[in-house]
């Protein structure tokens, strides 16, 4: 615990591993350290004297020139002197560790994403001062419902879609599956890693929204080009061609969208022709000439 003397970074700043970020007032700790070092010097001096005295009494006792009580007293004094030195050394190590915490350095290359204190604030144990995120080496945390978690295995390849960065899918790898689910949402956490070269190429950032798709086998789906859909309010349709070569607007029910194509769940059958592009405006009943 101590007052923050310097805090020289702001949110968004890049930092290097080992860079000094925060300095906390340490005068009180330095004073305690000086006191302990002085007491430790006295204790070590006393230990040397006690050891010399013990060895002298031990030799005399072995030659039967000292009594058992004198030997026991010398041994007790010597052990007490060792214990005092050990206790003060432990206290000094504790203060050294505490002094290390007064100089907070960046543990890695990264950038400051959150600043929770200012110069002059009181720092206390358990209270975060800064949040730093590593550059690159991003992972995706996906929440998978209990009905689907059994499909995932570590090292499975998955497709990742990050709409804010690219229209293309990125191949990721499942690296960890948390076996403990959330008892409220009944979701399980799955960790997916992305290739570092893709992270750098697309300039991906922490906090972006990602979708994870796991493919299990193949299934035939009917899909049309997204640009062919006609949208009227909440309805979606396609212009098809009747037998007498006229435009017919047919309402359809759509499913998933992927890579510029939309799944058609109902309203269109395989092999039927639909109009993708046309000049000018098109309405139902107009004659159509296919080119």
Protein backbone atom coordinates (compact mmCIF):
# COMPACT_ATOMS: atom_id res chain seq x y z
CA UNK A 1 0.00 0.00 0.00
CA UNK A 2 1.25 3.46 -0.86
CA UNK A 3 0.64 6.65 -2.78
CA UNK A 4 1.23 6.52 -6.54
CA UNK A 5 4.14 8.84 -7.35
CA UNK A 6 4.32 8.34 -11.12
CA UNK A 7 2.01 6.76 -13.68
CA UNK A 8 3.31 7.70 -17.09
CA UNK A 9 1.03 5.82 -19.50
CA UNK A 10 -2.40 6.41 -20.95
CA UNK A 11 -5.00 4.12 -22.46
CA UNK A 12 -3.89 3.07 -25.94
CA UNK A 13 -0.16 3.53 -25.26
CA UNK A 14 2.16 0.77 -26.45
CA UNK A 15 4.58 -0.57 -23.83
CA UNK A 16 7.70 -2.72 -23.97
CA UNK A 17 8.50 -5.64 -21.70
CA UNK A 18 10.41 -4.33 -18.66
CA UNK A 19 9.23 -0.74 -19.13
CA UNK A 20 8.53 1.10 -15.88
CA UNK A 21 4.81 1.86 -15.67
CA UNK A 22 4.02 2.83 -12.08
CA UNK A 23 6.11 4.02 -9.13
CA UNK A 24 4.62 3.79 -5.63
CA UNK A 25 5.94 5.72 -2.65
CA UNK A 26 8.57 3.62 -0.84
CA UNK A 27 10.09 5.83 1.87
CA UNK A 28 8.46 3.87 4.69
CA UNK A 29 9.63 0.55 3.27
CA UNK A 30 13.18 1.84 2.78
CA UNK A 31 13.24 3.00 6.41
CA UNK A 32 12.06 -0.43 7.55
CA UNK A 33 14.66 -2.08 5.32
CA UNK A 34 17.46 0.03 6.85
CA UNK A 35 16.32 -0.92 10.34
CA UNK A 36 16.19 -4.62 9.48
CA UNK A 37 19.61 -4.51 7.81
CA UNK A 38 21.11 -2.87 10.95
CA UNK A 39 19.50 -5.48 13.21
CA UNK A 40 20.62 -8.23 10.85
CA UNK A 41 24.22 -7.00 11.03
CA UNK A 42 24.05 -7.07 14.84
CA UNK A 43 22.46 -10.52 14.78
CA UNK A 44 25.12 -11.94 12.46
CA UNK A 45 27.87 -10.49 14.67
CA UNK A 46 26.22 -12.03 17.73
CA UNK A 47 25.92 -15.32 15.86
CA UNK A 48 29.65 -15.36 15.12
CA UNK A 49 30.39 -14.79 18.82
CA UNK A 50 27.89 -17.46 19.86
CA UNK A 51 29.38 -19.93 17.37
CA UNK A 52 32.91 -19.25 18.62
CA UNK A 53 31.78 -19.66 22.23
CA UNK A 54 29.86 -22.86 21.41
CA UNK A 55 32.84 -24.43 19.62
CA UNK A 56 35.12 -23.54 22.54
CA UNK A 57 32.72 -25.05 25.12
CA UNK A 58 32.20 -28.08 22.87
CA UNK A 59 35.94 -28.79 22.77
CA UNK A 60 36.20 -28.34 26.53
CA UNK A 61 33.21 -30.61 27.07
CA UNK A 62 34.75 -33.31 24.90
CA UNK A 63 37.90 -33.14 27.04
CA UNK A 64 35.73 -33.14 30.16
CA UNK A 65 36.89 -29.63 31.08
CA UNK A 66 33.37 -28.14 30.86
CA UNK A 67 30.16 -29.28 32.47
CA UNK A 68 27.11 -30.55 30.63
CA UNK A 69 25.17 -27.48 31.73
CA UNK A 70 27.79 -25.13 30.28
CA UNK A 71 27.66 -27.07 27.00
CA UNK A 72 23.84 -26.98 26.92
CA UNK A 73 23.77 -23.24 27.66
CA UNK A 74 26.29 -22.50 24.91
CA UNK A 75 24.37 -24.65 22.43
CA UNK A 76 21.06 -22.97 23.31
CA UNK A 77 22.59 -19.52 22.92
CA UNK A 78 24.06 -20.52 19.57
CA UNK A 79 20.73 -21.93 18.26
CA UNK A 80 18.87 -18.82 19.40
CA UNK A 81 21.38 -16.61 17.57
CA UNK A 82 20.90 -18.66 14.36
CA UNK A 83 17.12 -18.42 14.68
CA UNK A 84 17.29 -14.64 15.10
CA UNK A 85 19.45 -14.27 12.00
CA UNK A 86 17.09 -16.51 10.02
CA UNK A 87 14.04 -14.50 11.14
CA UNK A 88 15.67 -11.19 10.18
CA UNK A 89 16.76 -12.59 6.81
CA UNK A 90 13.16 -13.63 6.15
CA UNK A 91 11.97 -10.16 7.14
CA UNK A 92 14.53 -8.57 4.81
CA UNK A 93 13.41 -10.87 1.94
CA UNK A 94 9.80 -9.87 2.60
CA UNK A 95 10.70 -6.18 2.47
CA UNK A 96 12.71 -6.72 -0.72
CA UNK A 97 9.63 -8.30 -2.33
CA UNK A 98 7.47 -5.42 -1.17
CA UNK A 99 9.96 -2.92 -2.58
CA UNK A 100 9.81 -4.74 -5.91
CA UNK A 101 6.06 -4.05 -5.99
CA UNK A 102 6.70 -0.30 -5.72
CA UNK A 103 8.16 -0.38 -9.24
CA UNK A 104 5.63 -1.96 -11.57
CA UNK A 105 7.07 -2.93 -14.94
CA UNK A 106 5.38 -4.24 -18.09
CA UNK A 107 5.50 -8.06 -18.07
CA UNK A 108 5.30 -8.21 -21.88
CA UNK A 109 5.10 -6.15 -25.06
CA UNK A 110 1.56 -4.87 -25.43
CA UNK A 111 -0.65 -1.86 -25.01
CA UNK A 112 -2.63 -0.28 -22.19
CA UNK A 113 -6.33 -0.97 -22.62
CA UNK A 114 -7.56 0.33 -19.28
CA UNK A 115 -6.23 2.82 -16.73
CA UNK A 116 -7.86 2.60 -13.32
CA UNK A 117 -5.69 4.98 -11.26
CA UNK A 118 -3.98 8.36 -11.43
CA UNK A 119 -0.89 9.91 -9.87
CA UNK A 120 -1.61 10.75 -6.25
CA UNK A 121 -4.10 7.92 -5.78
CA UNK A 122 -3.55 5.36 -3.05
CA UNK A 123 -2.50 1.96 -4.34
CA UNK A 124 -3.61 -0.98 -2.25
CA UNK A 125 -3.26 -4.77 -2.51
CA UNK A 126 -5.92 -6.34 -4.73
CA UNK A 127 -6.81 -3.12 -6.53
CA UNK A 128 -5.88 -3.17 -10.25
CA UNK A 129 -4.06 -0.11 -11.59
CA UNK A 130 -3.68 -0.95 -15.29
CA UNK A 131 -4.83 -3.57 -17.76
CA UNK A 132 -2.33 -4.50 -20.47
CA UNK A 133 -3.04 -6.74 -23.43
CA UNK A 134 -0.45 -8.59 -25.44
CA UNK A 135 0.18 -7.67 -29.06
CA UNK A 136 -0.92 -10.50 -31.34
CA UNK A 137 -1.39 -14.02 -30.01
CA UNK A 138 -5.14 -13.53 -29.88
CA UNK A 139 -7.61 -16.22 -28.92
CA UNK A 140 -11.36 -16.46 -29.29
CA UNK A 141 -13.59 -17.39 -26.37
CA UNK A 142 -16.73 -19.01 -27.73
CA UNK A 143 -19.79 -19.91 -25.65
CA UNK A 144 -21.19 -23.23 -26.83
CA UNK A 145 -24.59 -24.54 -25.62
CA UNK A 146 -24.68 -27.91 -23.88
CA UNK A 147 -26.50 -29.46 -26.84
CA UNK A 148 -23.48 -28.79 -29.08
CA UNK A 149 -20.44 -29.03 -26.79
CA UNK A 150 -20.11 -32.77 -27.41
CA UNK A 151 -19.26 -32.05 -31.06
CA UNK A 152 -16.06 -30.16 -30.18
CA UNK A 153 -12.63 -31.77 -29.73
CA UNK A 154 -9.24 -30.22 -29.03
CA UNK A 155 -7.26 -29.64 -32.28
CA UNK A 156 -10.48 -29.51 -34.36
CA UNK A 157 -10.26 -27.04 -37.26
CA UNK A 158 -13.02 -24.42 -37.23
CA UNK A 159 -14.04 -21.53 -39.43
CA UNK A 160 -13.96 -18.10 -37.83
CA UNK A 161 -15.90 -15.12 -39.17
CA UNK A 162 -14.97 -11.63 -37.99
CA UNK A 163 -17.32 -9.39 -39.97
CA UNK A 164 -15.73 -6.13 -38.85
CA UNK A 165 -12.37 -7.16 -40.29
CA UNK A 166 -13.02 -9.31 -43.37
CA UNK A 167 -15.73 -10.98 -45.41
CA UNK A 168 -13.62 -14.11 -45.71
CA UNK A 169 -13.51 -16.91 -43.15
CA UNK A 170 -10.32 -17.61 -41.16
CA UNK A 171 -9.26 -21.09 -40.16
CA UNK A 172 -8.74 -21.47 -36.43
CA UNK A 173 -7.94 -24.37 -34.12
CA UNK A 174 -9.70 -25.48 -30.94
CA UNK A 175 -7.02 -25.39 -28.22
CA UNK A 176 -9.03 -25.80 -25.04
CA UNK A 177 -12.48 -26.89 -23.87
CA UNK A 178 -13.57 -26.00 -20.36
CA UNK A 179 -15.39 -29.06 -18.97
CA UNK A 180 -17.23 -26.93 -16.41
CA UNK A 181 -20.28 -25.19 -17.81
CA UNK A 182 -22.18 -22.16 -16.57
CA UNK A 183 -25.06 -23.53 -14.45
CA UNK A 184 -27.27 -20.56 -15.39
CA UNK A 185 -26.78 -20.26 -19.16
CA UNK A 186 -25.73 -23.92 -19.61
CA UNK A 187 -23.00 -22.79 -21.96
CA UNK A 188 -19.46 -24.13 -22.10
CA UNK A 189 -16.33 -22.15 -22.92
CA UNK A 190 -14.30 -23.18 -25.98
CA UNK A 191 -10.97 -21.51 -26.77
CA UNK A 192 -9.94 -21.07 -30.41
CA UNK A 193 -6.54 -19.83 -31.60
CA UNK A 194 -5.94 -17.90 -34.80
CA UNK A 195 -2.72 -17.91 -36.88
CA UNK A 196 -0.47 -14.98 -35.93
CA UNK A 197 0.07 -14.06 -39.58
CA UNK A 198 -3.69 -13.63 -40.06
CA UNK A 199 -3.96 -11.56 -36.89
CA UNK A 200 -1.29 -9.19 -38.21
CA UNK A 201 -2.55 -9.20 -41.80
CA UNK A 202 -6.12 -8.29 -40.83
CA UNK A 203 -5.03 -6.04 -37.93
CA UNK A 204 -7.36 -7.89 -35.57
CA UNK A 205 -7.93 -6.36 -32.16
CA UNK A 206 -9.01 -7.66 -28.81
CA UNK A 207 -12.73 -7.25 -28.18
CA UNK A 208 -13.88 -7.81 -31.77
CA UNK A 209 -16.94 -10.01 -32.21
CA UNK A 210 -16.27 -13.38 -33.83
CA UNK A 211 -18.43 -16.28 -34.97
CA UNK A 212 -17.09 -19.83 -34.81
CA UNK A 213 -18.40 -22.56 -37.11
CA UNK A 214 -17.58 -26.24 -36.69
CA UNK A 215 -18.27 -28.44 -39.73
CA UNK A 216 -19.43 -31.99 -39.10
CA UNK A 217 -19.81 -33.90 -42.37
CA UNK A 218 -21.42 -32.60 -45.58
CA UNK A 219 -25.03 -31.73 -46.30
CA UNK A 220 -26.54 -30.45 -49.54
CA UNK A 221 -28.15 -27.02 -49.27
CA UNK A 222 -30.00 -24.87 -51.77
CA UNK A 223 -28.50 -21.37 -51.91
CA UNK A 224 -28.83 -18.29 -54.10
CA UNK A 225 -26.74 -15.19 -54.59
CA UNK A 226 -27.46 -12.57 -51.94
CA UNK A 227 -27.82 -9.78 -54.52
CA UNK A 228 -30.72 -11.62 -56.19
CA UNK A 229 -32.97 -11.28 -53.14
CA UNK A 230 -35.79 -8.74 -53.24
CA UNK A 231 -36.65 -7.33 -49.82
CA UNK A 232 -40.04 -5.83 -49.03
CA UNK A 233 -40.29 -5.01 -45.33
CA UNK A 234 -39.88 -8.28 -43.43
CA UNK A 235 -40.40 -10.37 -46.56
CA UNK A 236 -37.76 -11.66 -48.95
CA UNK A 237 -38.31 -13.01 -52.43
CA UNK A 238 -36.83 -13.90 -55.79
CA UNK A 239 -37.93 -13.11 -59.32
CA UNK A 240 -38.39 -16.36 -61.20
CA UNK A 241 -39.45 -16.94 -64.82
CA UNK A 242 -42.80 -18.45 -65.70
CA UNK A 243 -43.40 -20.80 -68.64
CA UNK A 244 -44.59 -17.90 -70.76
CA UNK A 245 -41.34 -16.00 -70.03
CA UNK A 246 -42.75 -13.50 -67.55
CA UNK A 247 -41.23 -12.32 -64.27
CA UNK A 248 -42.87 -13.85 -61.20
CA UNK A 249 -42.02 -12.67 -57.68
CA UNK A 250 -41.88 -15.63 -55.34
CA UNK A 251 -41.54 -15.20 -51.59
CA UNK A 252 -38.96 -17.45 -49.93
CA UNK A 253 -37.81 -18.34 -46.43
CA UNK A 254 -34.08 -17.85 -45.98
CA UNK A 255 -31.55 -19.46 -43.70
CA UNK A 256 -27.84 -18.92 -43.08
CA UNK A 257 -25.78 -16.43 -45.05
CA UNK A 258 -22.23 -17.26 -46.07
CA UNK A 259 -19.71 -15.90 -48.58
CA UNK A 260 -22.29 -13.88 -50.53
CA UNK A 261 -24.83 -16.71 -50.76
CA UNK A 262 -28.04 -17.20 -48.80
CA UNK A 263 -29.60 -20.55 -47.92
CA UNK A 264 -33.18 -21.05 -49.18
CA UNK A 265 -35.27 -23.13 -46.81
CA UNK A 266 -38.54 -22.97 -48.76
CA UNK A 267 -40.14 -21.24 -51.76
CA UNK A 268 -37.65 -22.40 -54.40
CA UNK A 269 -36.76 -25.85 -55.70
CA UNK A 270 -33.52 -27.17 -57.08
CA UNK A 271 -33.23 -26.65 -60.84
CA UNK A 272 -35.62 -23.69 -60.98
CA UNK A 273 -34.42 -20.53 -62.67
CA UNK A 274 -34.28 -17.21 -60.87
CA UNK A 275 -33.18 -13.77 -61.99
CA UNK A 276 -29.88 -12.56 -60.55
CA UNK A 277 -29.37 -9.30 -62.40
CA UNK A 278 -31.45 -7.16 -64.71
CA UNK A 279 -31.29 -3.68 -66.24
CA UNK A 280 -33.63 -1.01 -64.97
CA UNK A 281 -36.59 -1.88 -62.73
CA UNK A 282 -38.37 -5.19 -62.70
CA UNK A 283 -41.89 -5.97 -61.61
CA UNK A 284 -44.14 -8.98 -61.70
CA UNK A 285 -45.66 -9.80 -65.08
CA UNK A 286 -43.04 -8.10 -67.23
CA UNK A 287 -41.80 -10.19 -70.15
CA UNK A 288 -38.29 -11.52 -69.69
CA UNK A 289 -35.70 -12.27 -72.34
CA UNK A 290 -32.78 -14.33 -71.03
CA UNK A 291 -29.39 -13.42 -72.49
